Amino acid sequence: MSSVTIAIKRLPHGEGLDLPEYAVEHSAGMDLLAAIPQPVLLTLGQRALIPTGIAIALPEGYEA
């Protein structure tokens, strides 16, 4: 597997949160934490924008 360098910046509302990481071996992607003061409850079909407390710069050809 080749490695990819990703620039990441922790934003003020993300202070103290862990950076993204793989939770288990063979994960398809890294787990992100929510930078929110209280839990958010979503009902079936509902959507919400949840801040992560980070900003990333992905190389061309990658997505998050």
PDB file of N, CA and C in Angstrom:
ATOM      1  N   MET A   1       0.853  -1.179   0.000  1.00  0.00           N
ATOM      2  CA  MET A   1       0.000   0.000   0.000  1.00  0.00           C
ATOM      3  C   MET A   1       0.895   1.238   0.000  1.00  0.00           C
ATOM      4  N   SER A   2       0.576   2.210  -0.837  1.00  0.00           N
ATOM      5  CA  SER A   2       1.354   3.440  -0.879  1.00  0.00           C
ATOM      6  C   SER A   2       0.842   4.418   0.166  1.00  0.00           C
ATOM      7  N   SER A   3       1.698   5.330   0.561  1.00  0.00           N
ATOM      8  CA  SER A   3       1.291   6.323   1.564  1.00  0.00           C
ATOM      9  C   SER A   3       0.927   7.635   0.869  1.00  0.00           C
ATOM     10  N   VAL A   4       0.055   8.390   1.525  1.00  0.00           N
ATOM     11  CA  VAL A   4      -0.402   9.677   1.032  1.00  0.00           C
ATOM     12  C   VAL A   4      -0.202  10.691   2.150  1.00  0.00           C
ATOM     13  N   THR A   5       0.356  11.832   1.819  1.00  0.00           N
ATOM     14  CA  THR A   5       0.527  12.894   2.803  1.00  0.00           C
ATOM     15  C   THR A   5      -0.667  13.833   2.723  1.00  0.00           C
ATOM     16  N   ILE A   6      -1.293  14.070   3.872  1.00  0.00           N
ATOM     17  CA  ILE A   6      -2.461  14.945   3.951  1.00  0.00           C
ATOM     18  C   ILE A   6      -2.175  16.051   4.956  1.00  0.00           C
ATOM     19  N   ALA A   7      -2.310  17.296   4.517  1.00  0.00           N
ATOM     20  CA  ALA A   7      -2.130  18.426   5.426  1.00  0.00           C
ATOM     21  C   ALA A   7      -3.392  18.544   6.277  1.00  0.00           C
ATOM     22  N   ILE A   8      -3.214  18.707   7.587  1.00  0.00           N
ATOM     23  CA  ILE A   8      -4.343  18.808   8.502  1.00  0.00           C
ATOM     24  C   ILE A   8      -4.088  19.940   9.494  1.00  0.00           C
ATOM     25  N   LYS A   9      -5.133  20.679   9.796  1.00  0.00           N
ATOM     26  CA  LYS A   9      -5.038  21.778  10.754  1.00  0.00           C
ATOM     27  C   LYS A   9      -6.177  21.632  11.755  1.00  0.00           C
ATOM     28  N   ARG A  10      -5.826  21.655  13.029  1.00  0.00           N
ATOM     29  CA  ARG A  10      -6.848  21.596  14.075  1.00  0.00           C
ATOM     30  C   ARG A  10      -7.429  22.994  14.246  1.00  0.00           C
ATOM     31  N   LEU A  11      -8.739  23.116  14.174  1.00  0.00           N
ATOM     32  CA  LEU A  11      -9.416  24.397  14.330  1.00  0.00           C
ATOM     33  C   LEU A  11      -9.721  24.657  15.804  1.00  0.00           C
ATOM     34  N   PRO A  12      -9.951  25.923  16.185  1.00  0.00           N
ATOM     35  CA  PRO A  12     -10.175  26.242  17.598  1.00  0.00           C
ATOM     36  C   PRO A  12     -11.274  25.409  18.265  1.00  0.00           C
ATOM     37  N   HIS A  13     -12.367  25.136  17.569  1.00  0.00           N
ATOM     38  CA  HIS A  13     -13.443  24.364  18.194  1.00  0.00           C
ATOM     39  C   HIS A  13     -13.130  22.869  18.256  1.00  0.00           C
ATOM     40  N   GLY A  14     -11.993  22.451  17.711  1.00  0.00           N
ATOM     41  CA  GLY A  14     -11.590  21.053  17.766  1.00  0.00           C
ATOM     42  C   GLY A  14     -10.467  20.784  18.750  1.00  0.00           C
ATOM     43  N   GLU A  15     -10.070  21.796  19.514  1.00  0.00           N
ATOM     44  CA  GLU A  15      -8.991  21.617  20.499  1.00  0.00           C
ATOM     45  C   GLU A  15      -9.353  20.503  21.474  1.00  0.00           C
ATOM     46  N   GLY A  16      -8.394  19.627  21.721  1.00  0.00           N
ATOM     47  CA  GLY A  16      -8.590  18.548  22.674  1.00  0.00           C
ATOM     48  C   GLY A  16      -9.147  17.267  22.068  1.00  0.00           C
ATOM     49  N   LEU A  17      -9.634  17.329  20.828  1.00  0.00           N
ATOM     50  CA  LEU A  17     -10.141  16.129  20.169  1.00  0.00           C
ATOM     51  C   LEU A  17      -8.989  15.376  19.513  1.00  0.00           C
ATOM     52  N   ASP A  18      -9.107  14.057  19.464  1.00  0.00           N
ATOM     53  CA  ASP A  18      -8.117  13.251  18.766  1.00  0.00           C
ATOM     54  C   ASP A  18      -8.210  13.506  17.270  1.00  0.00           C
ATOM     55  N   LEU A  19      -7.100  13.369  16.588  1.00  0.00           N
ATOM     56  CA  LEU A  19      -7.092  13.476  15.133  1.00  0.00           C
ATOM     57  C   LEU A  19      -7.690  12.198  14.548  1.00  0.00           C
ATOM     58  N   PRO A  20      -8.118  12.225  13.283  1.00  0.00           N
ATOM     59  CA  PRO A  20      -8.688  11.026  12.669  1.00  0.00           C
ATOM     60  C   PRO A  20      -7.718   9.853  12.753  1.00  0.00           C
ATOM     61  N   GLU A  21      -8.275   8.644  12.935  1.00  0.00           N
ATOM     62  CA  GLU A  21      -7.460   7.442  12.988  1.00  0.00           C
ATOM     63  C   GLU A  21      -8.287   6.245  12.552  1.00  0.00           C
ATOM     64  N   TYR A  22      -7.608   5.191  12.130  1.00  0.00           N
ATOM     65  CA  TYR A  22      -8.289   3.950  11.780  1.00  0.00           C
ATOM     66  C   TYR A  22      -8.692   3.255  13.077  1.00  0.00           C
ATOM     67  N   ALA A  23      -9.955   2.860  13.182  1.00  0.00           N
ATOM     68  CA  ALA A  23     -10.453   2.229  14.405  1.00  0.00           C
ATOM     69  C   ALA A  23     -10.035   0.758  14.489  1.00  0.00           C
ATOM     70  N   VAL A  24     -10.075   0.070  13.351  1.00  0.00           N
ATOM     71  CA  VAL A  24      -9.721  -1.345  13.327  1.00  0.00           C
ATOM     72  C   VAL A  24      -8.923  -1.643  12.059  1.00  0.00           C
ATOM     73  N   GLU A  25      -8.212  -2.733  12.074  1.00  0.00           N
ATOM     74  CA  GLU A  25      -7.441  -3.149  10.910  1.00  0.00           C
ATOM     75  C   GLU A  25      -8.374  -3.361   9.717  1.00  0.00           C
ATOM     76  N   HIS A  26      -7.935  -3.006   8.549  1.00  0.00           N
ATOM     77  CA  HIS A  26      -8.680  -3.147   7.290  1.00  0.00           C
ATOM     78  C   HIS A  26      -9.844  -2.161   7.168  1.00  0.00           C
ATOM     79  N   SER A  27      -9.855  -1.111   7.971  1.00  0.00           N
ATOM     80  CA  SER A  27     -10.899  -0.087   7.834  1.00  0.00           C
ATOM     81  C   SER A  27     -10.791   0.570   6.464  1.00  0.00           C
ATOM     82  N   ALA A  28     -11.930   0.920   5.890  1.00  0.00           N
ATOM     83  CA  ALA A  28     -11.939   1.591   4.592  1.00  0.00           C
ATOM     84  C   ALA A  28     -11.552   3.056   4.732  1.00  0.00           C
ATOM     85  N   GLY A  29     -11.757   3.625   5.900  1.00  0.00           N
ATOM     86  CA  GLY A  29     -11.442   5.028   6.130  1.00  0.00           C
ATOM     87  C   GLY A  29     -11.217   5.297   7.599  1.00  0.00           C
ATOM     88  N   MET A  30     -10.743   6.481   7.885  1.00  0.00           N
ATOM     89  CA  MET A  30     -10.488   6.875   9.268  1.00  0.00           C
ATOM     90  C   MET A  30     -11.761   7.384   9.925  1.00  0.00           C
ATOM     91  N   ASP A  31     -11.833   7.211  11.235  1.00  0.00           N
ATOM     92  CA  ASP A  31     -12.970   7.716  11.995  1.00  0.00           C
ATOM     93  C   ASP A  31     -12.724   9.165  12.390  1.00  0.00           C
ATOM     94  N   LEU A  32     -13.754   9.989  12.248  1.00  0.00           N
ATOM     95  CA  LEU A  32     -13.709  11.393  12.639  1.00  0.00           C
ATOM     96  C   LEU A  32     -14.530  11.584  13.912  1.00  0.00           C
ATOM     97  N   LEU A  33     -14.118  12.520  14.730  1.00  0.00           N
ATOM     98  CA  LEU A  33     -14.887  12.871  15.917  1.00  0.00           C
ATOM     99  C   LEU A  33     -15.708  14.126  15.632  1.00  0.00           C
ATOM    100  N   ALA A  34     -16.810  14.268  16.320  1.00  0.00           N
ATOM    101  CA  ALA A  34     -17.668  15.441  16.170  1.00  0.00           C
ATOM    102  C   ALA A  34     -17.233  16.512  17.163  1.00  0.00           C
ATOM    103  N   ALA A  35     -17.003  17.720  16.670  1.00  0.00           N
ATOM    104  CA  ALA A  35     -16.601  18.849  17.514  1.00  0.00           C
ATOM    105  C   ALA A  35     -17.856  19.618  17.924  1.00  0.00           C
ATOM    106  N   ILE A  36     -18.667  18.982  18.765  1.00  0.00           N
ATOM    107  CA  ILE A  36     -19.937  19.570  19.209  1.00  0.00           C
ATOM    108  C   ILE A  36     -20.039  19.472  20.728  1.00  0.00           C
ATOM    109  N   PRO A  37     -20.723  20.425  21.364  1.00  0.00           N
ATOM    110  CA  PRO A  37     -20.810  20.410  22.828  1.00  0.00           C
ATOM    111  C   PRO A  37     -21.812  19.393  23.376  1.00  0.00           C
ATOM    112  N   GLN A  38     -22.813  19.006  22.568  1.00  0.00           N
ATOM    113  CA  GLN A  38     -23.838  18.065  23.022  1.00  0.00           C
ATOM    114  C   GLN A  38     -24.171  17.098  21.894  1.00  0.00           C
ATOM    115  N   PRO A  39     -24.677  15.904  22.239  1.00  0.00           N
ATOM    116  CA  PRO A  39     -25.061  14.940  21.201  1.00  0.00           C
ATOM    117  C   PRO A  39     -26.152  15.498  20.289  1.00  0.00           C
ATOM    118  N   VAL A  40     -26.169  15.029  19.050  1.00  0.00           N
ATOM    119  CA  VAL A  40     -27.188  15.400  18.074  1.00  0.00           C
ATOM    120  C   VAL A  40     -27.986  14.137  17.753  1.00  0.00           C
ATOM    121  N   LEU A  41     -29.301  14.217  17.827  1.00  0.00           N
ATOM    122  CA  LEU A  41     -30.164  13.091  17.504  1.00  0.00           C
ATOM    123  C   LEU A  41     -30.795  13.335  16.140  1.00  0.00           C
ATOM    124  N   LEU A  42     -30.565  12.403  15.227  1.00  0.00           N
ATOM    125  CA  LEU A  42     -31.138  12.511  13.886  1.00  0.00           C
ATOM    126  C   LEU A  42     -32.254  11.483  13.742  1.00  0.00           C
ATOM    127  N   THR A  43     -33.359  11.910  13.173  1.00  0.00           N
ATOM    128  CA  THR A  43     -34.447  10.987  12.904  1.00  0.00           C
ATOM    129  C   THR A  43     -34.245  10.368  11.527  1.00  0.00           C
ATOM    130  N   LEU A  44     -35.006   9.361  11.208  1.00  0.00           N
ATOM    131  CA  LEU A  44     -34.894   8.664   9.943  1.00  0.00           C
ATOM    132  C   LEU A  44     -34.979   9.632   8.769  1.00  0.00           C
ATOM    133  N   GLY A  45     -33.973   9.626   7.916  1.00  0.00           N
ATOM    134  CA  GLY A  45     -33.947  10.481   6.738  1.00  0.00           C
ATOM    135  C   GLY A  45     -33.452  11.897   6.987  1.00  0.00           C
ATOM    136  N   GLN A  46     -33.243  12.268   8.231  1.00  0.00           N
ATOM    137  CA  GLN A  46     -32.787  13.621   8.552  1.00  0.00           C
ATOM    138  C   GLN A  46     -31.286  13.735   8.301  1.00  0.00           C
ATOM    139  N   ARG A  47     -30.840  14.902   7.925  1.00  0.00           N
ATOM    140  CA  ARG A  47     -29.423  15.184   7.692  1.00  0.00           C
ATOM    141  C   ARG A  47     -28.992  16.366   8.543  1.00  0.00           C
ATOM    142  N   ALA A  48     -27.707  16.416   8.844  1.00  0.00           N
ATOM    143  CA  ALA A  48     -27.166  17.542   9.598  1.00  0.00           C
ATOM    144  C   ALA A  48     -25.687  17.697   9.255  1.00  0.00           C
ATOM    145  N   LEU A  49     -25.217  18.925   9.264  1.00  0.00           N
ATOM    146  CA  LEU A  49     -23.788  19.189   9.127  1.00  0.00           C
ATOM    147  C   LEU A  49     -23.181  19.150  10.517  1.00  0.00           C
ATOM    148  N   ILE A  50     -22.199  18.287  10.703  1.00  0.00           N
ATOM    149  CA  ILE A  50     -21.557  18.120  12.010  1.00  0.00           C
ATOM    150  C   ILE A  50     -20.090  18.521  11.859  1.00  0.00           C
ATOM    151  N   PRO A  51     -19.649  19.554  12.585  1.00  0.00           N
ATOM    152  CA  PRO A  51     -18.251  19.983  12.463  1.00  0.00           C
ATOM    153  C   PRO A  51     -17.290  18.950  13.069  1.00  0.00           C
ATOM    154  N   THR A  52     -16.122  18.824  12.444  1.00  0.00           N
ATOM    155  CA  THR A  52     -15.115  17.875  12.925  1.00  0.00           C
ATOM    156  C   THR A  52     -14.002  18.547  13.718  1.00  0.00           C
ATOM    157  N   GLY A  53     -13.902  19.857  13.612  1.00  0.00           N
ATOM    158  CA  GLY A  53     -12.845  20.567  14.318  1.00  0.00           C
ATOM    159  C   GLY A  53     -11.508  20.530  13.608  1.00  0.00           C
ATOM    160  N   ILE A  54     -11.503  20.069  12.359  1.00  0.00           N
ATOM    161  CA  ILE A  54     -10.263  20.031  11.584  1.00  0.00           C
ATOM    162  C   ILE A  54     -10.520  20.556  10.175  1.00  0.00           C
ATOM    163  N   ALA A  55      -9.441  20.960   9.529  1.00  0.00           N
ATOM    164  CA  ALA A  55      -9.458  21.311   8.113  1.00  0.00           C
ATOM    165  C   ALA A  55      -8.377  20.469   7.457  1.00  0.00           C
ATOM    166  N   ILE A  56      -8.690  19.891   6.290  1.00  0.00           N
ATOM    167  CA  ILE A  56      -7.712  19.042   5.614  1.00  0.00           C
ATOM    168  C   ILE A  56      -7.535  19.485   4.167  1.00  0.00           C
ATOM    169  N   ALA A  57      -6.353  19.204   3.625  1.00  0.00           N
ATOM    170  CA  ALA A  57      -6.053  19.474   2.219  1.00  0.00           C
ATOM    171  C   ALA A  57      -5.699  18.130   1.585  1.00  0.00           C
ATOM    172  N   LEU A  58      -6.634  17.599   0.798  1.00  0.00           N
ATOM    173  CA  LEU A  58      -6.416  16.311   0.161  1.00  0.00           C
ATOM    174  C   LEU A  58      -5.743  16.462  -1.191  1.00  0.00           C
ATOM    175  N   PRO A  59      -4.861  15.541  -1.535  1.00  0.00           N
ATOM    176  CA  PRO A  59      -4.275  15.577  -2.870  1.00  0.00           C
ATOM    177  C   PRO A  59      -5.345  15.293  -3.928  1.00  0.00           C
ATOM    178  N   GLU A  60      -5.115  15.735  -5.137  1.00  0.00           N
ATOM    179  CA  GLU A  60      -6.042  15.484  -6.231  1.00  0.00           C
ATOM    180  C   GLU A  60      -6.264  13.980  -6.394  1.00  0.00           C
ATOM    181  N   GLY A  61      -7.519  13.605  -6.619  1.00  0.00           N
ATOM    182  CA  GLY A  61      -7.841  12.192  -6.799  1.00  0.00           C
ATOM    183  C   GLY A  61      -8.294  11.490  -5.545  1.00  0.00           C
ATOM    184  N   TYR A  62      -8.309  12.192  -4.412  1.00  0.00           N
ATOM    185  CA  TYR A  62      -8.758  11.616  -3.143  1.00  0.00           C
ATOM    186  C   TYR A  62      -9.990  12.353  -2.659  1.00  0.00           C
ATOM    187  N   GLU A  63     -10.757  11.706  -1.810  1.00  0.00           N
ATOM    188  CA  GLU A  63     -11.962  12.342  -1.258  1.00  0.00           C
ATOM    189  C   GLU A  63     -12.097  11.987   0.215  1.00  0.00           C
ATOM    190  N   ALA A  64     -12.885  12.768   0.898  1.00  0.00           N
ATOM    191  CA  ALA A  64     -13.137  12.530   2.320  1.00  0.00           C
ATOM    192  C   ALA A  64     -14.618  12.733   2.595  1.00  0.00           C
TER     193      ALA A  64
END
